[in-house]
């Protein structure tokens, strides 16, 4: 590994939106700095929604399955 080309890898403190804290290793800031998150898996709808379904609007899913359905079939 080449010397002097890699960033400093050290421990930082991470504070989640609900106030919980943990220590991890990162290249962010300096050793002992605190990273406060605005969005985390406990608060962001991408992780908390969980009820997403595929809606077939205008037959798009069925057209896709007709065109590429052969890829889903398994050989016996």
N, C-alpha and C. Protein backbone atom coordinates (compact mmCIF):
# COMPACT_ATOMS: atom_id res chain seq x y z
N UNK A 1 0.84 -1.17 0.00
CA UNK A 1 0.00 0.00 0.00
C UNK A 1 0.89 1.24 0.00
N UNK A 2 0.55 2.22 -0.83
CA UNK A 2 1.35 3.43 -0.92
C UNK A 2 1.21 4.26 0.34
N UNK A 3 2.27 4.88 0.74
CA UNK A 3 2.28 5.72 1.93
C UNK A 3 1.78 7.12 1.57
N UNK A 4 1.02 7.73 2.48
CA UNK A 4 0.64 9.13 2.35
C UNK A 4 -0.50 9.45 1.41
N UNK A 5 -1.16 8.45 0.80
CA UNK A 5 -2.24 8.76 -0.13
C UNK A 5 -3.62 8.47 0.46
N UNK A 6 -3.68 7.80 1.60
CA UNK A 6 -4.95 7.42 2.19
C UNK A 6 -5.35 8.41 3.28
N UNK A 7 -6.67 8.70 3.39
CA UNK A 7 -7.11 9.63 4.43
C UNK A 7 -6.97 9.01 5.82
N UNK A 8 -6.94 9.86 6.83
CA UNK A 8 -6.84 9.41 8.22
C UNK A 8 -8.13 8.70 8.62
N UNK A 9 -8.02 7.50 9.13
CA UNK A 9 -9.16 6.68 9.53
C UNK A 9 -9.14 6.61 11.05
N UNK A 10 -10.16 7.19 11.70
CA UNK A 10 -10.16 7.35 13.15
C UNK A 10 -11.57 7.15 13.70
N UNK A 11 -11.73 7.25 15.02
CA UNK A 11 -13.04 7.08 15.64
C UNK A 11 -13.76 8.42 15.75
N UNK A 12 -15.08 8.37 15.52
CA UNK A 12 -15.94 9.55 15.68
C UNK A 12 -17.18 9.13 16.46
N UNK A 13 -17.90 10.10 16.98
CA UNK A 13 -19.16 9.88 17.67
C UNK A 13 -20.30 10.23 16.72
N UNK A 14 -21.30 9.38 16.63
CA UNK A 14 -22.46 9.62 15.77
C UNK A 14 -23.68 9.78 16.67
N UNK A 15 -24.46 10.86 16.42
CA UNK A 15 -25.68 11.11 17.18
C UNK A 15 -26.85 11.00 16.22
N UNK A 16 -27.76 10.05 16.50
CA UNK A 16 -28.94 9.83 15.66
C UNK A 16 -29.99 10.90 15.95
N UNK A 17 -31.05 10.95 15.14
CA UNK A 17 -32.09 11.97 15.32
C UNK A 17 -32.84 11.81 16.62
N UNK A 18 -32.92 10.59 17.17
CA UNK A 18 -33.63 10.39 18.43
C UNK A 18 -32.73 10.57 19.65
N UNK A 19 -31.47 10.96 19.44
CA UNK A 19 -30.56 11.24 20.54
C UNK A 19 -29.64 10.09 20.90
N UNK A 20 -29.85 8.91 20.33
CA UNK A 20 -28.95 7.80 20.64
C UNK A 20 -27.58 8.08 20.03
N UNK A 21 -26.56 7.57 20.70
CA UNK A 21 -25.18 7.82 20.27
C UNK A 21 -24.44 6.51 20.13
N UNK A 22 -23.48 6.49 19.21
CA UNK A 22 -22.56 5.36 19.10
C UNK A 22 -21.25 5.83 18.52
N UNK A 23 -20.23 5.02 18.68
CA UNK A 23 -18.89 5.34 18.20
C UNK A 23 -18.59 4.43 17.02
N UNK A 24 -18.04 5.00 15.97
CA UNK A 24 -17.66 4.23 14.79
C UNK A 24 -16.36 4.79 14.24
N UNK A 25 -15.82 4.12 13.25
CA UNK A 25 -14.59 4.59 12.60
C UNK A 25 -14.97 5.22 11.26
N UNK A 26 -14.29 6.32 10.91
CA UNK A 26 -14.63 7.05 9.71
C UNK A 26 -13.46 7.93 9.28
N UNK A 27 -13.58 8.50 8.09
CA UNK A 27 -12.62 9.50 7.63
C UNK A 27 -13.18 10.91 7.82
N UNK A 28 -14.39 11.02 8.40
CA UNK A 28 -15.04 12.30 8.65
C UNK A 28 -14.32 13.06 9.76
N UNK A 29 -14.05 14.33 9.56
CA UNK A 29 -13.50 15.21 10.59
C UNK A 29 -12.20 14.73 11.19
N UNK A 30 -12.07 15.02 12.50
CA UNK A 30 -10.88 14.62 13.25
C UNK A 30 -11.26 13.59 14.29
N UNK A 31 -10.29 12.99 14.90
CA UNK A 31 -10.52 11.99 15.93
C UNK A 31 -11.36 12.58 17.07
N UNK A 32 -12.49 11.94 17.40
CA UNK A 32 -13.34 12.40 18.48
C UNK A 32 -14.43 13.37 18.08
N UNK A 33 -14.47 13.81 16.80
CA UNK A 33 -15.53 14.71 16.34
C UNK A 33 -16.89 14.03 16.43
N UNK A 34 -17.96 14.86 16.43
CA UNK A 34 -19.32 14.35 16.51
C UNK A 34 -20.05 14.62 15.20
N UNK A 35 -20.68 13.59 14.66
CA UNK A 35 -21.48 13.70 13.45
C UNK A 35 -22.94 13.58 13.86
N UNK A 36 -23.72 14.65 13.69
CA UNK A 36 -25.14 14.64 14.02
C UNK A 36 -25.94 14.38 12.75
N UNK A 37 -26.73 13.33 12.76
CA UNK A 37 -27.49 12.96 11.58
C UNK A 37 -28.83 13.70 11.53
N UNK A 38 -29.21 14.18 10.34
CA UNK A 38 -30.52 14.79 10.13
C UNK A 38 -31.53 13.71 9.75
N UNK A 39 -31.07 12.68 9.07
CA UNK A 39 -31.93 11.59 8.61
C UNK A 39 -31.26 10.29 9.00
N UNK A 40 -32.04 9.36 9.54
CA UNK A 40 -31.51 8.04 9.86
C UNK A 40 -32.59 6.99 9.61
N UNK A 41 -32.25 5.72 9.67
CA UNK A 41 -33.21 4.66 9.36
C UNK A 41 -34.44 4.64 10.27
N UNK A 42 -34.37 5.25 11.44
CA UNK A 42 -35.53 5.26 12.33
C UNK A 42 -36.54 6.35 11.96
N UNK A 43 -36.12 7.37 11.19
CA UNK A 43 -37.01 8.49 10.91
C UNK A 43 -37.32 8.69 9.43
N UNK A 44 -36.52 8.15 8.52
CA UNK A 44 -36.72 8.40 7.09
C UNK A 44 -37.77 7.45 6.52
N UNK A 45 -38.71 7.98 5.71
CA UNK A 45 -39.78 7.14 5.16
C UNK A 45 -39.29 6.01 4.25
N UNK A 46 -38.10 6.13 3.70
CA UNK A 46 -37.60 5.05 2.86
C UNK A 46 -37.41 3.78 3.67
N UNK A 47 -37.11 3.91 4.96
CA UNK A 47 -36.93 2.74 5.82
C UNK A 47 -38.16 2.44 6.67
N UNK A 48 -38.97 3.47 6.97
CA UNK A 48 -40.09 3.26 7.89
C UNK A 48 -41.39 2.93 7.18
N UNK A 49 -41.50 3.21 5.87
CA UNK A 49 -42.74 2.96 5.13
C UNK A 49 -43.11 1.50 5.13
N UNK A 50 -42.35 0.70 4.42
CA UNK A 50 -42.53 -0.73 4.43
C UNK A 50 -43.80 -1.25 3.81
N UNK A 51 -44.67 -0.39 3.28
CA UNK A 51 -45.93 -0.86 2.72
C UNK A 51 -46.02 -0.58 1.22
N UNK A 52 -44.88 -0.43 0.57
CA UNK A 52 -44.89 -0.13 -0.85
C UNK A 52 -45.31 -1.36 -1.65
N UNK A 53 -46.14 -1.14 -2.66
CA UNK A 53 -46.55 -2.20 -3.56
C UNK A 53 -46.37 -1.71 -4.99
N UNK A 54 -46.26 -2.64 -5.91
CA UNK A 54 -46.14 -2.28 -7.31
C UNK A 54 -47.53 -2.10 -7.88
N UNK A 55 -47.80 -0.91 -8.39
CA UNK A 55 -49.09 -0.64 -9.01
C UNK A 55 -48.94 -0.75 -10.51
N UNK A 56 -49.86 -1.46 -11.14
CA UNK A 56 -49.82 -1.64 -12.59
C UNK A 56 -50.64 -0.53 -13.24
N UNK A 57 -49.99 0.58 -13.52
CA UNK A 57 -50.67 1.71 -14.14
C UNK A 57 -50.50 1.64 -15.65
N UNK A 58 -51.59 1.49 -16.34
CA UNK A 58 -51.55 1.46 -17.80
C UNK A 58 -50.96 0.18 -18.35
N UNK A 59 -50.94 -0.91 -17.58
CA UNK A 59 -50.46 -2.18 -18.06
C UNK A 59 -48.95 -2.28 -18.19
N UNK A 60 -48.21 -1.42 -17.53
CA UNK A 60 -46.76 -1.41 -17.67
C UNK A 60 -46.13 -2.71 -17.15
N UNK A 61 -46.60 -3.17 -16.00
CA UNK A 61 -46.03 -4.38 -15.43
C UNK A 61 -46.36 -5.57 -16.30
N UNK A 62 -47.61 -5.65 -16.77
CA UNK A 62 -47.99 -6.79 -17.61
C UNK A 62 -47.23 -6.76 -18.94
N UNK A 63 -47.02 -5.57 -19.51
CA UNK A 63 -46.24 -5.49 -20.75
C UNK A 63 -44.80 -5.92 -20.51
N UNK A 64 -44.23 -5.53 -19.37
CA UNK A 64 -42.87 -5.95 -19.04
C UNK A 64 -42.80 -7.46 -18.90
N UNK A 65 -43.79 -8.05 -18.21
CA UNK A 65 -43.79 -9.50 -18.03
C UNK A 65 -43.96 -10.22 -19.36
N UNK A 66 -44.75 -9.66 -20.28
CA UNK A 66 -44.89 -10.28 -21.59
C UNK A 66 -43.58 -10.23 -22.36
N UNK A 67 -42.89 -9.11 -22.27
CA UNK A 67 -41.67 -8.92 -23.03
C UNK A 67 -40.50 -9.72 -22.44
N UNK A 68 -40.38 -9.72 -21.11
CA UNK A 68 -39.23 -10.33 -20.46
C UNK A 68 -39.60 -11.51 -19.56
N UNK A 69 -40.79 -12.04 -19.69
CA UNK A 69 -41.24 -13.14 -18.86
C UNK A 69 -40.40 -14.40 -19.03
N UNK A 70 -39.80 -14.57 -20.19
CA UNK A 70 -38.98 -15.75 -20.43
C UNK A 70 -37.78 -15.82 -19.50
N UNK A 71 -37.35 -14.70 -18.95
CA UNK A 71 -36.21 -14.69 -18.05
C UNK A 71 -36.54 -15.31 -16.69
N UNK A 72 -37.82 -15.31 -16.33
CA UNK A 72 -38.25 -15.82 -15.03
C UNK A 72 -38.46 -17.33 -15.03
N UNK A 73 -38.61 -17.93 -16.20
CA UNK A 73 -38.87 -19.36 -16.27
C UNK A 73 -37.62 -20.16 -15.97
N UNK A 74 -37.79 -21.20 -15.20
CA UNK A 74 -36.65 -22.04 -14.82
C UNK A 74 -36.63 -23.30 -15.68
N UNK A 75 -35.44 -23.69 -16.12
CA UNK A 75 -35.30 -24.90 -16.91
C UNK A 75 -35.46 -26.13 -16.01
N UNK A 76 -36.12 -27.15 -16.53
CA UNK A 76 -36.36 -28.35 -15.71
C UNK A 76 -35.17 -29.28 -15.70
